[in-house]
């Protein structure tokens, strides 16, 4: 029987491959193995259109094609229940753009804050 977290898919989006790899390692180390990663937010949106089980998108804020807030807004137009977490080296810039998503500053304690945010999302659903 699948657990709640196995049924909920996480999408990781960052234009820097090393950062998606780092987040994948954090997820796997925490037992969260139902994820998919993208380095292009447009590809991530296409994936959202074709997959029903997505629960959470963890995204960088600054990306060439569209920023993380734009990505999450478009994903929510496709699937209203999607939750979003934005990773940013400048969280104040993100917060001034939108109050709708959890923002985690890259750097100190980011791993712990990310895992706490993921756990909060999975308890919401």
PDB file of N, CA and C in Angstrom:
ATOM      1  N   UNK A   1       0.842  -1.188   0.000  1.00  0.00           N
ATOM      2  CA  UNK A   1       0.000   0.000   0.000  1.00  0.00           C
ATOM      3  C   UNK A   1       0.886   1.251   0.000  1.00  0.00           C
ATOM      4  N   UNK A   2       0.546   2.198  -0.839  1.00  0.00           N
ATOM      5  CA  UNK A   2       1.341   3.412  -0.939  1.00  0.00           C
ATOM      6  C   UNK A   2       1.012   4.360   0.205  1.00  0.00           C
ATOM      7  N   UNK A   3       2.035   5.052   0.687  1.00  0.00           N
ATOM      8  CA  UNK A   3       1.819   6.042   1.735  1.00  0.00           C
ATOM      9  C   UNK A   3       1.371   7.351   1.099  1.00  0.00           C
ATOM     10  N   UNK A   4       0.918   8.261   1.938  1.00  0.00           N
ATOM     11  CA  UNK A   4       0.439   9.569   1.464  1.00  0.00           C
ATOM     12  C   UNK A   4       1.518  10.296   0.668  1.00  0.00           C
ATOM     13  N   UNK A   5       2.757  10.280   1.157  1.00  0.00           N
ATOM     14  CA  UNK A   5       3.815  11.012   0.452  1.00  0.00           C
ATOM     15  C   UNK A   5       4.225  10.324  -0.847  1.00  0.00           C
ATOM     16  N   UNK A   6       3.998   9.014  -0.972  1.00  0.00           N
ATOM     17  CA  UNK A   6       4.306   8.339  -2.232  1.00  0.00           C
ATOM     18  C   UNK A   6       3.298   8.703  -3.317  1.00  0.00           C
ATOM     19  N   UNK A   7       2.091   9.041  -2.905  1.00  0.00           N
ATOM     20  CA  UNK A   7       1.048   9.391  -3.866  1.00  0.00           C
ATOM     21  C   UNK A   7       1.146  10.834  -4.335  1.00  0.00           C
ATOM     22  N   UNK A   8       1.823  11.669  -3.577  1.00  0.00           N
ATOM     23  CA  UNK A   8       1.927  13.088  -3.902  1.00  0.00           C
ATOM     24  C   UNK A   8       3.235  13.361  -4.631  1.00  0.00           C
ATOM     25  N   UNK A   9       3.130  13.879  -5.824  1.00  0.00           N
ATOM     26  CA  UNK A   9       4.329  14.129  -6.596  1.00  0.00           C
ATOM     27  C   UNK A   9       4.830  15.553  -6.409  1.00  0.00           C
ATOM     28  N   UNK A  10       6.140  15.659  -6.331  1.00  0.00           N
ATOM     29  CA  UNK A  10       6.816  16.945  -6.204  1.00  0.00           C
ATOM     30  C   UNK A  10       7.540  17.234  -7.519  1.00  0.00           C
ATOM     31  N   UNK A  11       7.448  18.465  -7.972  1.00  0.00           N
ATOM     32  CA  UNK A  11       8.227  18.903  -9.131  1.00  0.00           C
ATOM     33  C   UNK A  11       9.260  19.907  -8.637  1.00  0.00           C
ATOM     34  N   UNK A  12      10.491  19.731  -9.069  1.00  0.00           N
ATOM     35  CA  UNK A  12      11.590  20.636  -8.735  1.00  0.00           C
ATOM     36  C   UNK A  12      11.981  21.369 -10.019  1.00  0.00           C
ATOM     37  N   UNK A  13      12.041  22.707  -9.953  1.00  0.00           N
ATOM     38  CA  UNK A  13      12.369  23.500 -11.147  1.00  0.00           C
ATOM     39  C   UNK A  13      13.439  24.525 -10.787  1.00  0.00           C
ATOM     40  N   UNK A  14      14.568  24.427 -11.451  1.00  0.00           N
ATOM     41  CA  UNK A  14      15.643  25.412 -11.312  1.00  0.00           C
ATOM     42  C   UNK A  14      16.452  25.385 -12.590  1.00  0.00           C
ATOM     43  N   UNK A  15      16.820  26.538 -13.098  1.00  0.00           N
ATOM     44  CA  UNK A  15      17.583  26.585 -14.337  1.00  0.00           C
ATOM     45  C   UNK A  15      19.036  26.162 -14.145  1.00  0.00           C
ATOM     46  N   UNK A  16      19.460  25.965 -12.923  1.00  0.00           N
ATOM     47  CA  UNK A  16      20.823  25.511 -12.647  1.00  0.00           C
ATOM     48  C   UNK A  16      20.763  24.025 -12.274  1.00  0.00           C
ATOM     49  N   UNK A  17      21.263  23.139 -13.148  1.00  0.00           N
ATOM     50  CA  UNK A  17      21.164  21.698 -12.902  1.00  0.00           C
ATOM     51  C   UNK A  17      21.737  21.244 -11.554  1.00  0.00           C
ATOM     52  N   UNK A  18      22.799  21.863 -11.096  1.00  0.00           N
ATOM     53  CA  UNK A  18      23.389  21.461  -9.816  1.00  0.00           C
ATOM     54  C   UNK A  18      22.415  21.682  -8.655  1.00  0.00           C
ATOM     55  N   UNK A  19      21.593  22.703  -8.746  1.00  0.00           N
ATOM     56  CA  UNK A  19      20.622  22.969  -7.678  1.00  0.00           C
ATOM     57  C   UNK A  19      19.464  21.980  -7.715  1.00  0.00           C
ATOM     58  N   UNK A  20      19.006  21.602  -8.908  1.00  0.00           N
ATOM     59  CA  UNK A  20      17.963  20.570  -8.952  1.00  0.00           C
ATOM     60  C   UNK A  20      18.511  19.257  -8.414  1.00  0.00           C
ATOM     61  N   UNK A  21      19.745  18.943  -8.727  1.00  0.00           N
ATOM     62  CA  UNK A  21      20.368  17.722  -8.218  1.00  0.00           C
ATOM     63  C   UNK A  21      20.474  17.759  -6.697  1.00  0.00           C
ATOM     64  N   UNK A  22      20.827  18.904  -6.142  1.00  0.00           N
ATOM     65  CA  UNK A  22      20.926  19.041  -4.690  1.00  0.00           C
ATOM     66  C   UNK A  22      19.563  18.827  -4.022  1.00  0.00           C
ATOM     67  N   UNK A  23      18.518  19.429  -4.579  1.00  0.00           N
ATOM     68  CA  UNK A  23      17.182  19.267  -4.002  1.00  0.00           C
ATOM     69  C   UNK A  23      16.714  17.827  -4.145  1.00  0.00           C
ATOM     70  N   UNK A  24      17.018  17.188  -5.277  1.00  0.00           N
ATOM     71  CA  UNK A  24      16.681  15.767  -5.446  1.00  0.00           C
ATOM     72  C   UNK A  24      17.328  14.929  -4.341  1.00  0.00           C
ATOM     73  N   UNK A  25      18.590  15.200  -4.039  1.00  0.00           N
ATOM     74  CA  UNK A  25      19.296  14.449  -2.992  1.00  0.00           C
ATOM     75  C   UNK A  25      18.637  14.656  -1.624  1.00  0.00           C
ATOM     76  N   UNK A  26      18.221  15.878  -1.350  1.00  0.00           N
ATOM     77  CA  UNK A  26      17.536  16.171  -0.084  1.00  0.00           C
ATOM     78  C   UNK A  26      16.223  15.398  -0.008  1.00  0.00           C
ATOM     79  N   UNK A  27      15.469  15.404  -1.089  1.00  0.00           N
ATOM     80  CA  UNK A  27      14.198  14.688  -1.112  1.00  0.00           C
ATOM     81  C   UNK A  27      14.405  13.190  -0.896  1.00  0.00           C
ATOM     82  N   UNK A  28      15.341  12.622  -1.644  1.00  0.00           N
ATOM     83  CA  UNK A  28      15.596  11.186  -1.522  1.00  0.00           C
ATOM     84  C   UNK A  28      16.077  10.818  -0.128  1.00  0.00           C
ATOM     85  N   UNK A  29      16.967  11.610   0.428  1.00  0.00           N
ATOM     86  CA  UNK A  29      17.479  11.345   1.773  1.00  0.00           C
ATOM     87  C   UNK A  29      16.343  11.375   2.797  1.00  0.00           C
ATOM     88  N   UNK A  30      15.315  12.137   2.505  1.00  0.00           N
ATOM     89  CA  UNK A  30      14.169  12.262   3.407  1.00  0.00           C
ATOM     90  C   UNK A  30      13.076  11.247   3.113  1.00  0.00           C
ATOM     91  N   UNK A  31      13.318  10.365   2.148  1.00  0.00           N
ATOM     92  CA  UNK A  31      12.342   9.333   1.817  1.00  0.00           C
ATOM     93  C   UNK A  31      11.268   9.781   0.846  1.00  0.00           C
ATOM     94  N   UNK A  32      11.433  10.950   0.253  1.00  0.00           N
ATOM     95  CA  UNK A  32      10.467  11.464  -0.716  1.00  0.00           C
ATOM     96  C   UNK A  32      10.992  11.141  -2.114  1.00  0.00           C
ATOM     97  N   UNK A  33      10.478  10.087  -2.707  1.00  0.00           N
ATOM     98  CA  UNK A  33      11.033   9.601  -3.974  1.00  0.00           C
ATOM     99  C   UNK A  33      10.125   9.855  -5.172  1.00  0.00           C
ATOM    100  N   UNK A  34       8.942  10.378  -4.946  1.00  0.00           N
ATOM    101  CA  UNK A  34       8.029  10.641  -6.048  1.00  0.00           C
ATOM    102  C   UNK A  34       8.188  12.101  -6.493  1.00  0.00           C
ATOM    103  N   UNK A  35       9.232  12.333  -7.291  1.00  0.00           N
ATOM    104  CA  UNK A  35       9.502  13.685  -7.768  1.00  0.00           C
ATOM    105  C   UNK A  35       9.979  13.636  -9.208  1.00  0.00           C
ATOM    106  N   UNK A  36       9.949  14.796  -9.831  1.00  0.00           N
ATOM    107  CA  UNK A  36      10.441  14.955 -11.188  1.00  0.00           C
ATOM    108  C   UNK A  36      11.101  16.335 -11.251  1.00  0.00           C
ATOM    109  N   UNK A  37      12.225  16.433 -11.928  1.00  0.00           N
ATOM    110  CA  UNK A  37      12.962  17.701 -11.968  1.00  0.00           C
ATOM    111  C   UNK A  37      13.063  18.247 -13.382  1.00  0.00           C
ATOM    112  N   UNK A  38      13.075  19.570 -13.433  1.00  0.00           N
ATOM    113  CA  UNK A  38      13.195  20.263 -14.716  1.00  0.00           C
ATOM    114  C   UNK A  38      14.131  21.455 -14.561  1.00  0.00           C
ATOM    115  N   UNK A  39      14.881  21.742 -15.625  1.00  0.00           N
ATOM    116  CA  UNK A  39      15.724  22.930 -15.661  1.00  0.00           C
ATOM    117  C   UNK A  39      15.083  24.023 -16.509  1.00  0.00           C
ATOM    118  N   UNK A  40      13.911  23.743 -17.027  1.00  0.00           N
ATOM    119  CA  UNK A  40      13.179  24.675 -17.872  1.00  0.00           C
ATOM    120  C   UNK A  40      11.737  24.767 -17.362  1.00  0.00           C
ATOM    121  N   UNK A  41      11.294  25.941 -16.914  1.00  0.00           N
ATOM    122  CA  UNK A  41       9.930  26.056 -16.381  1.00  0.00           C
ATOM    123  C   UNK A  41       8.842  25.773 -17.409  1.00  0.00           C
ATOM    124  N   UNK A  42       9.118  25.998 -18.674  1.00  0.00           N
ATOM    125  CA  UNK A  42       8.120  25.715 -19.709  1.00  0.00           C
ATOM    126  C   UNK A  42       7.901  24.206 -19.822  1.00  0.00           C
ATOM    127  N   UNK A  43       8.968  23.425 -19.746  1.00  0.00           N
ATOM    128  CA  UNK A  43       8.837  21.965 -19.742  1.00  0.00           C
ATOM    129  C   UNK A  43       8.086  21.498 -18.497  1.00  0.00           C
ATOM    130  N   UNK A  44       8.354  22.136 -17.376  1.00  0.00           N
ATOM    131  CA  UNK A  44       7.655  21.780 -16.135  1.00  0.00           C
ATOM    132  C   UNK A  44       6.147  22.019 -16.284  1.00  0.00           C
ATOM    133  N   UNK A  45       5.762  23.130 -16.898  1.00  0.00           N
ATOM    134  CA  UNK A  45       4.340  23.407 -17.114  1.00  0.00           C
ATOM    135  C   UNK A  45       3.687  22.369 -18.021  1.00  0.00           C
ATOM    136  N   UNK A  46       4.381  21.957 -19.045  1.00  0.00           N
ATOM    137  CA  UNK A  46       3.862  20.901 -19.918  1.00  0.00           C
ATOM    138  C   UNK A  46       3.624  19.622 -19.123  1.00  0.00           C
ATOM    139  N   UNK A  47       4.535  19.322 -18.219  1.00  0.00           N
ATOM    140  CA  UNK A  47       4.393  18.142 -17.376  1.00  0.00           C
ATOM    141  C   UNK A  47       3.164  18.280 -16.472  1.00  0.00           C
ATOM    142  N   UNK A  48       2.954  19.461 -15.917  1.00  0.00           N
ATOM    143  CA  UNK A  48       1.786  19.706 -15.065  1.00  0.00           C
ATOM    144  C   UNK A  48       0.504  19.465 -15.861  1.00  0.00           C
ATOM    145  N   UNK A  49       0.468  19.911 -17.106  1.00  0.00           N
ATOM    146  CA  UNK A  49      -0.724  19.738 -17.942  1.00  0.00           C
ATOM    147  C   UNK A  49      -1.082  18.272 -18.149  1.00  0.00           C
ATOM    148  N   UNK A  50      -0.075  17.409 -18.142  1.00  0.00           N
ATOM    149  CA  UNK A  50      -0.279  16.005 -18.482  1.00  0.00           C
ATOM    150  C   UNK A  50      -0.250  15.055 -17.291  1.00  0.00           C
ATOM    151  N   UNK A  51      -0.173  15.582 -16.065  1.00  0.00           N
ATOM    152  CA  UNK A  51      -0.073  14.721 -14.886  1.00  0.00           C
ATOM    153  C   UNK A  51      -0.963  15.245 -13.770  1.00  0.00           C
ATOM    154  N   UNK A  52      -1.855  14.396 -13.320  1.00  0.00           N
ATOM    155  CA  UNK A  52      -2.848  14.776 -12.319  1.00  0.00           C
ATOM    156  C   UNK A  52      -2.326  14.781 -10.890  1.00  0.00           C
ATOM    157  N   UNK A  53      -1.344  13.958 -10.575  1.00  0.00           N
ATOM    158  CA  UNK A  53      -0.977  13.712  -9.180  1.00  0.00           C
ATOM    159  C   UNK A  53       0.004  14.723  -8.580  1.00  0.00           C
ATOM    160  N   UNK A  54       0.305  15.796  -9.247  1.00  0.00           N
ATOM    161  CA  UNK A  54       1.270  16.768  -8.744  1.00  0.00           C
ATOM    162  C   UNK A  54       0.669  17.541  -7.572  1.00  0.00           C
ATOM    163  N   UNK A  55       1.426  17.586  -6.473  1.00  0.00           N
ATOM    164  CA  UNK A  55       0.967  18.265  -5.266  1.00  0.00           C
ATOM    165  C   UNK A  55       1.764  19.516  -4.952  1.00  0.00           C
ATOM    166  N   UNK A  56       3.040  19.514  -5.330  1.00  0.00           N
ATOM    167  CA  UNK A  56       3.942  20.571  -4.889  1.00  0.00           C
ATOM    168  C   UNK A  56       4.962  20.890  -5.962  1.00  0.00           C
ATOM    169  N   UNK A  57       5.208  22.176  -6.162  1.00  0.00           N
ATOM    170  CA  UNK A  57       6.305  22.622  -7.029  1.00  0.00           C
ATOM    171  C   UNK A  57       7.277  23.408  -6.164  1.00  0.00           C
ATOM    172  N   UNK A  58       8.530  22.971  -6.199  1.00  0.00           N
ATOM    173  CA  UNK A  58       9.626  23.695  -5.545  1.00  0.00           C
ATOM    174  C   UNK A  58      10.404  24.352  -6.676  1.00  0.00           C
ATOM    175  N   UNK A  59      10.471  25.666  -6.669  1.00  0.00           N
ATOM    176  CA  UNK A  59      11.067  26.361  -7.807  1.00  0.00           C
ATOM    177  C   UNK A  59      12.008  27.486  -7.378  1.00  0.00           C
ATOM    178  N   UNK A  60      12.957  27.733  -8.237  1.00  0.00           N
ATOM    179  CA  UNK A  60      13.810  28.913  -8.101  1.00  0.00           C
ATOM    180  C   UNK A  60      12.955  30.128  -8.470  1.00  0.00           C
ATOM    181  N   UNK A  61      13.362  31.289  -8.008  1.00  0.00           N
ATOM    182  CA  UNK A  61      12.633  32.499  -8.384  1.00  0.00           C
ATOM    183  C   UNK A  61      13.124  33.030  -9.723  1.00  0.00           C
ATOM    184  N   UNK A  62      14.428  33.263  -9.852  1.00  0.00           N
ATOM    185  CA  UNK A  62      14.963  33.878 -11.070  1.00  0.00           C
ATOM    186  C   UNK A  62      15.381  32.807 -12.068  1.00  0.00           C
ATOM    187  N   UNK A  63      14.658  32.771 -13.189  1.00  0.00           N
ATOM    188  CA  UNK A  63      14.973  31.861 -14.282  1.00  0.00           C
ATOM    189  C   UNK A  63      14.783  32.613 -15.583  1.00  0.00           C
ATOM    190  N   UNK A  64      15.465  32.221 -16.644  1.00  0.00           N
ATOM    191  CA  UNK A  64      15.407  32.983 -17.895  1.00  0.00           C
ATOM    192  C   UNK A  64      14.020  33.065 -18.539  1.00  0.00           C
ATOM    193  N   UNK A  65      13.291  31.954 -18.635  1.00  0.00           N
ATOM    194  CA  UNK A  65      12.038  31.940 -19.386  1.00  0.00           C
ATOM    195  C   UNK A  65      10.891  32.609 -18.632  1.00  0.00           C
ATOM    196  N   UNK A  66      10.814  32.361 -17.342  1.00  0.00           N
ATOM    197  CA  UNK A  66       9.785  32.969 -16.488  1.00  0.00           C
ATOM    198  C   UNK A  66      10.244  32.808 -15.054  1.00  0.00           C
ATOM    199  N   UNK A  67       9.796  33.686 -14.177  1.00  0.00           N
ATOM    200  CA  UNK A  67      10.230  33.545 -12.791  1.00  0.00           C
ATOM    201  C   UNK A  67       9.346  32.528 -12.062  1.00  0.00           C
ATOM    202  N   UNK A  68       9.742  32.191 -10.848  1.00  0.00           N
ATOM    203  CA  UNK A  68       9.032  31.178 -10.084  1.00  0.00           C
ATOM    204  C   UNK A  68       7.589  31.523  -9.782  1.00  0.00           C
ATOM    205  N   UNK A  69       7.305  32.786  -9.536  1.00  0.00           N
ATOM    206  CA  UNK A  69       5.925  33.200  -9.267  1.00  0.00           C
ATOM    207  C   UNK A  69       5.063  33.009 -10.509  1.00  0.00           C
ATOM    208  N   UNK A  70       5.578  33.404 -11.664  1.00  0.00           N
ATOM    209  CA  UNK A  70       4.835  33.202 -12.912  1.00  0.00           C
ATOM    210  C   UNK A  70       4.578  31.718 -13.150  1.00  0.00           C
ATOM    211  N   UNK A  71       5.592  30.891 -12.902  1.00  0.00           N
ATOM    212  CA  UNK A  71       5.445  29.448 -13.069  1.00  0.00           C
ATOM    213  C   UNK A  71       4.344  28.904 -12.161  1.00  0.00           C
ATOM    214  N   UNK A  72       4.367  29.287 -10.891  1.00  0.00           N
ATOM    215  CA  UNK A  72       3.368  28.779  -9.954  1.00  0.00           C
ATOM    216  C   UNK A  72       1.961  29.271 -10.289  1.00  0.00           C
ATOM    217  N   UNK A  73       1.839  30.517 -10.719  1.00  0.00           N
ATOM    218  CA  UNK A  73       0.518  31.045 -11.103  1.00  0.00           C
ATOM    219  C   UNK A  73      -0.042  30.273 -12.298  1.00  0.00           C
ATOM    220  N   UNK A  74       0.798  29.999 -13.294  1.00  0.00           N
ATOM    221  CA  UNK A  74       0.344  29.248 -14.469  1.00  0.00           C
ATOM    222  C   UNK A  74       0.017  27.807 -14.101  1.00  0.00           C
ATOM    223  N   UNK A  75       0.805  27.214 -13.211  1.00  0.00           N
ATOM    224  CA  UNK A  75       0.530  25.841 -12.771  1.00  0.00           C
ATOM    225  C   UNK A  75      -0.797  25.773 -12.022  1.00  0.00           C
ATOM    226  N   UNK A  76      -1.080  26.789 -11.201  1.00  0.00           N
ATOM    227  CA  UNK A  76      -2.349  26.823 -10.457  1.00  0.00           C
ATOM    228  C   UNK A  76      -3.546  27.034 -11.386  1.00  0.00           C
ATOM    229  N   UNK A  77      -3.343  27.675 -12.530  1.00  0.00           N
ATOM    230  CA  UNK A  77      -4.421  27.804 -13.513  1.00  0.00           C
ATOM    231  C   UNK A  77      -4.775  26.431 -14.085  1.00  0.00           C
ATOM    232  N   UNK A  78      -3.786  25.557 -14.148  1.00  0.00           N
ATOM    233  CA  UNK A  78      -3.989  24.209 -14.676  1.00  0.00           C
ATOM    234  C   UNK A  78      -4.553  23.293 -13.590  1.00  0.00           C
ATOM    235  N   UNK A  79      -3.986  23.391 -12.407  1.00  0.00           N
ATOM    236  CA  UNK A  79      -4.389  22.528 -11.286  1.00  0.00           C
ATOM    237  C   UNK A  79      -4.405  23.370 -10.014  1.00  0.00           C
ATOM    238  N   UNK A  80      -5.574  23.733  -9.567  1.00  0.00           N
ATOM    239  CA  UNK A  80      -5.745  24.670  -8.448  1.00  0.00           C
ATOM    240  C   UNK A  80      -5.104  24.209  -7.141  1.00  0.00           C
ATOM    241  N   UNK A  81      -5.031  22.896  -6.898  1.00  0.00           N
ATOM    242  CA  UNK A  81      -4.550  22.383  -5.613  1.00  0.00           C
ATOM    243  C   UNK A  81      -3.030  22.361  -5.476  1.00  0.00           C
ATOM    244  N   UNK A  82      -2.303  22.734  -6.490  1.00  0.00           N
ATOM    245  CA  UNK A  82      -0.843  22.711  -6.415  1.00  0.00           C
ATOM    246  C   UNK A  82      -0.353  23.740  -5.399  1.00  0.00           C
ATOM    247  N   UNK A  83       0.569  23.305  -4.564  1.00  0.00           N
ATOM    248  CA  UNK A  83       1.229  24.193  -3.609  1.00  0.00           C
ATOM    249  C   UNK A  83       2.590  24.577  -4.172  1.00  0.00           C
ATOM    250  N   UNK A  84       3.120  25.709  -3.715  1.00  0.00           N
ATOM    251  CA  UNK A  84       4.410  26.168  -4.214  1.00  0.00           C
ATOM    252  C   UNK A  84       5.346  26.608  -3.116  1.00  0.00           C
ATOM    253  N   UNK A  85       6.612  26.273  -3.309  1.00  0.00           N
ATOM    254  CA  UNK A  85       7.695  26.762  -2.459  1.00  0.00           C
ATOM    255  C   UNK A  85       8.721  27.384  -3.395  1.00  0.00           C
ATOM    256  N   UNK A  86       9.135  28.610  -3.080  1.00  0.00           N
ATOM    257  CA  UNK A  86      10.105  29.317  -3.916  1.00  0.00           C
ATOM    258  C   UNK A  86      11.422  29.418  -3.160  1.00  0.00           C
ATOM    259  N   UNK A  87      12.493  28.959  -3.828  1.00  0.00           N
ATOM    260  CA  UNK A  87      13.850  29.114  -3.318  1.00  0.00           C
ATOM    261  C   UNK A  87      14.425  30.385  -3.928  1.00  0.00           C
ATOM    262  N   UNK A  88      15.043  31.224  -3.116  1.00  0.00           N
ATOM    263  CA  UNK A  88      15.587  32.463  -3.662  1.00  0.00           C
ATOM    264  C   UNK A  88      16.771  32.939  -2.841  1.00  0.00           C
ATOM    265  N   UNK A  89      17.734  33.521  -3.515  1.00  0.00           N
ATOM    266  CA  UNK A  89      18.845  34.155  -2.800  1.00  0.00           C
ATOM    267  C   UNK A  89      18.437  35.556  -2.336  1.00  0.00           C
ATOM    268  N   UNK A  90      17.294  36.042  -2.826  1.00  0.00           N
ATOM    269  CA  UNK A  90      16.775  37.355  -2.425  1.00  0.00           C
ATOM    270  C   UNK A  90      15.293  37.225  -2.062  1.00  0.00           C
ATOM    271  N   UNK A  91      14.995  36.665  -0.876  1.00  0.00           N
ATOM    272  CA  UNK A  91      13.595  36.417  -0.515  1.00  0.00           C
ATOM    273  C   UNK A  91      12.745  37.678  -0.424  1.00  0.00           C
ATOM    274  N   UNK A  92      13.343  38.806  -0.106  1.00  0.00           N
ATOM    275  CA  UNK A  92      12.557  40.044  -0.012  1.00  0.00           C
ATOM    276  C   UNK A  92      12.002  40.448  -1.370  1.00  0.00           C
ATOM    277  N   UNK A  93      12.775  40.218  -2.419  1.00  0.00           N
ATOM    278  CA  UNK A  93      12.295  40.511  -3.774  1.00  0.00           C
ATOM    279  C   UNK A  93      11.077  39.647  -4.100  1.00  0.00           C
ATOM    280  N   UNK A  94      11.135  38.375  -3.721  1.00  0.00           N
ATOM    281  CA  UNK A  94      10.022  37.470  -3.985  1.00  0.00           C
ATOM    282  C   UNK A  94       8.804  37.892  -3.176  1.00  0.00           C
ATOM    283  N   UNK A  95       9.003  38.164  -1.897  1.00  0.00           N
ATOM    284  CA  UNK A  95       7.884  38.531  -1.022  1.00  0.00           C
ATOM    285  C   UNK A  95       7.223  39.836  -1.477  1.00  0.00           C
ATOM    286  N   UNK A  96       8.005  40.738  -2.051  1.00  0.00           N
ATOM    287  CA  UNK A  96       7.406  41.977  -2.541  1.00  0.00           C
ATOM    288  C   UNK A  96       6.593  41.736  -3.806  1.00  0.00           C
ATOM    289  N   UNK A  97       6.879  40.644  -4.505  1.00  0.00           N
ATOM    290  CA  UNK A  97       6.148  40.306  -5.726  1.00  0.00           C
ATOM    291  C   UNK A  97       4.893  39.491  -5.450  1.00  0.00           C
ATOM    292  N   UNK A  98       4.931  38.678  -4.384  1.00  0.00           N
ATOM    293  CA  UNK A  98       3.788  37.820  -4.084  1.00  0.00           C
ATOM    294  C   UNK A  98       3.851  37.332  -2.649  1.00  0.00           C
ATOM    295  N   UNK A  99       2.722  37.307  -2.000  1.00  0.00           N
ATOM    296  CA  UNK A  99       2.609  36.773  -0.641  1.00  0.00           C
ATOM    297  C   UNK A  99       1.978  35.382  -0.659  1.00  0.00           C
ATOM    298  N   UNK A 100       1.724  34.839  -1.836  1.00  0.00           N
ATOM    299  CA  UNK A 100       0.950  33.612  -1.960  1.00  0.00           C
ATOM    300  C   UNK A 100       1.737  32.328  -1.722  1.00  0.00           C
ATOM    301  N   UNK A 101       3.053  32.389  -1.710  1.00  0.00           N
ATOM    302  CA  UNK A 101       3.857  31.176  -1.647  1.00  0.00           C
ATOM    303  C   UNK A 101       4.892  31.259  -0.537  1.00  0.00           C
ATOM    304  N   UNK A 102       5.248  30.103  -0.034  1.00  0.00           N
ATOM    305  CA  UNK A 102       6.325  30.017   0.953  1.00  0.00           C
ATOM    306  C   UNK A 102       7.638  30.358   0.243  1.00  0.00           C
ATOM    307  N   UNK A 103       8.455  31.165   0.875  1.00  0.00           N
ATOM    308  CA  UNK A 103       9.742  31.560   0.296  1.00  0.00           C
ATOM    309  C   UNK A 103      10.846  31.108   1.242  1.00  0.00           C
ATOM    310  N   UNK A 104      11.826  30.406   0.686  1.00  0.00           N
ATOM    311  CA  UNK A 104      12.959  29.928   1.468  1.00  0.00           C
ATOM    312  C   UNK A 104      14.222  30.531   0.891  1.00  0.00           C
ATOM    313  N   UNK A 105      14.993  31.157   1.751  1.00  0.00           N
ATOM    314  CA  UNK A 105      16.250  31.761   1.319  1.00  0.00           C
ATOM    315  C   UNK A 105      17.305  30.682   1.144  1.00  0.00           C
ATOM    316  N   UNK A 106      17.987  30.715  -0.001  1.00  0.00           N
ATOM    317  CA  UNK A 106      19.097  29.796  -0.229  1.00  0.00           C
ATOM    318  C   UNK A 106      20.198  30.129   0.767  1.00  0.00           C
ATOM    319  N   UNK A 107      20.798  29.111   1.328  1.00  0.00           N
ATOM    320  CA  UNK A 107      21.885  29.351   2.275  1.00  0.00           C
ATOM    321  C   UNK A 107      21.656  28.630   3.581  1.00  0.00           C
ATOM    322  N   UNK A 108      22.014  29.290   4.675  1.00  0.00           N
ATOM    323  CA  UNK A 108      21.953  28.683   6.006  1.00  0.00           C
ATOM    324  C   UNK A 108      20.567  28.148   6.337  1.00  0.00           C
ATOM    325  N   UNK A 109      20.521  26.935   6.847  1.00  0.00           N
ATOM    326  CA  UNK A 109      19.293  26.276   7.299  1.00  0.00           C
ATOM    327  C   UNK A 109      18.261  26.065   6.201  1.00  0.00           C
ATOM    328  N   UNK A 110      18.644  26.202   4.950  1.00  0.00           N
ATOM    329  CA  UNK A 110      17.678  26.047   3.862  1.00  0.00           C
ATOM    330  C   UNK A 110      17.118  24.626   3.808  1.00  0.00           C
ATOM    331  N   UNK A 111      17.942  23.640   4.061  1.00  0.00           N
ATOM    332  CA  UNK A 111      17.482  22.249   4.002  1.00  0.00           C
ATOM    333  C   UNK A 111      16.405  21.998   5.045  1.00  0.00           C
ATOM    334  N   UNK A 112      16.666  22.427   6.272  1.00  0.00           N
ATOM    335  CA  UNK A 112      15.692  22.220   7.346  1.00  0.00           C
ATOM    336  C   UNK A 112      14.386  22.959   7.054  1.00  0.00           C
ATOM    337  N   UNK A 113      14.496  24.179   6.557  1.00  0.00           N
ATOM    338  CA  UNK A 113      13.292  24.960   6.242  1.00  0.00           C
ATOM    339  C   UNK A 113      12.520  24.331   5.079  1.00  0.00           C
ATOM    340  N   UNK A 114      13.250  23.813   4.096  1.00  0.00           N
ATOM    341  CA  UNK A 114      12.595  23.151   2.963  1.00  0.00           C
ATOM    342  C   UNK A 114      11.817  21.928   3.439  1.00  0.00           C
ATOM    343  N   UNK A 115      12.455  21.096   4.242  1.00  0.00           N
ATOM    344  CA  UNK A 115      11.784  19.886   4.720  1.00  0.00           C
ATOM    345  C   UNK A 115      10.584  20.225   5.600  1.00  0.00           C
ATOM    346  N   UNK A 116      10.710  21.246   6.431  1.00  0.00           N
ATOM    347  CA  UNK A 116       9.580  21.668   7.258  1.00  0.00           C
ATOM    348  C   UNK A 116       8.423  22.156   6.379  1.00  0.00           C
ATOM    349  N   UNK A 117       8.731  22.882   5.322  1.00  0.00           N
ATOM    350  CA  UNK A 117       7.698  23.383   4.412  1.00  0.00           C
ATOM    351  C   UNK A 117       7.024  22.243   3.659  1.00  0.00           C
ATOM    352  N   UNK A 118       7.799  21.263   3.235  1.00  0.00           N
ATOM    353  CA  UNK A 118       7.223  20.103   2.542  1.00  0.00           C
ATOM    354  C   UNK A 118       6.287  19.354   3.480  1.00  0.00           C
ATOM    355  N   UNK A 119       6.726  19.132   4.703  1.00  0.00           N
ATOM    356  CA  UNK A 119       5.874  18.435   5.669  1.00  0.00           C
ATOM    357  C   UNK A 119       4.577  19.193   5.921  1.00  0.00           C
ATOM    358  N   UNK A 120       4.656  20.532   5.970  1.00  0.00           N
ATOM    359  CA  UNK A 120       3.474  21.355   6.176  1.00  0.00           C
ATOM    360  C   UNK A 120       2.497  21.185   4.996  1.00  0.00           C
ATOM    361  N   UNK A 121       3.019  21.157   3.782  1.00  0.00           N
ATOM    362  CA  UNK A 121       2.177  20.991   2.601  1.00  0.00           C
ATOM    363  C   UNK A 121       1.474  19.639   2.636  1.00  0.00           C
ATOM    364  N   UNK A 122       2.196  18.595   2.945  1.00  0.00           N
ATOM    365  CA  UNK A 122       1.598  17.261   2.932  1.00  0.00           C
ATOM    366  C   UNK A 122       0.565  17.087   4.038  1.00  0.00           C
ATOM    367  N   UNK A 123       0.671  17.836   5.111  1.00  0.00           N
ATOM    368  CA  UNK A 123      -0.347  17.766   6.160  1.00  0.00           C
ATOM    369  C   UNK A 123      -1.599  18.532   5.766  1.00  0.00           C
ATOM    370  N   UNK A 124      -1.439  19.548   4.910  1.00  0.00           N
ATOM    371  CA  UNK A 124      -2.572  20.335   4.432  1.00  0.00           C
ATOM    372  C   UNK A 124      -3.513  19.458   3.609  1.00  0.00           C
ATOM    373  N   UNK A 125      -2.948  18.584   2.811  1.00  0.00           N
ATOM    374  CA  UNK A 125      -3.754  17.812   1.846  1.00  0.00           C
ATOM    375  C   UNK A 125      -4.437  16.636   2.484  1.00  0.00           C
TER     376      UNK A 125
END
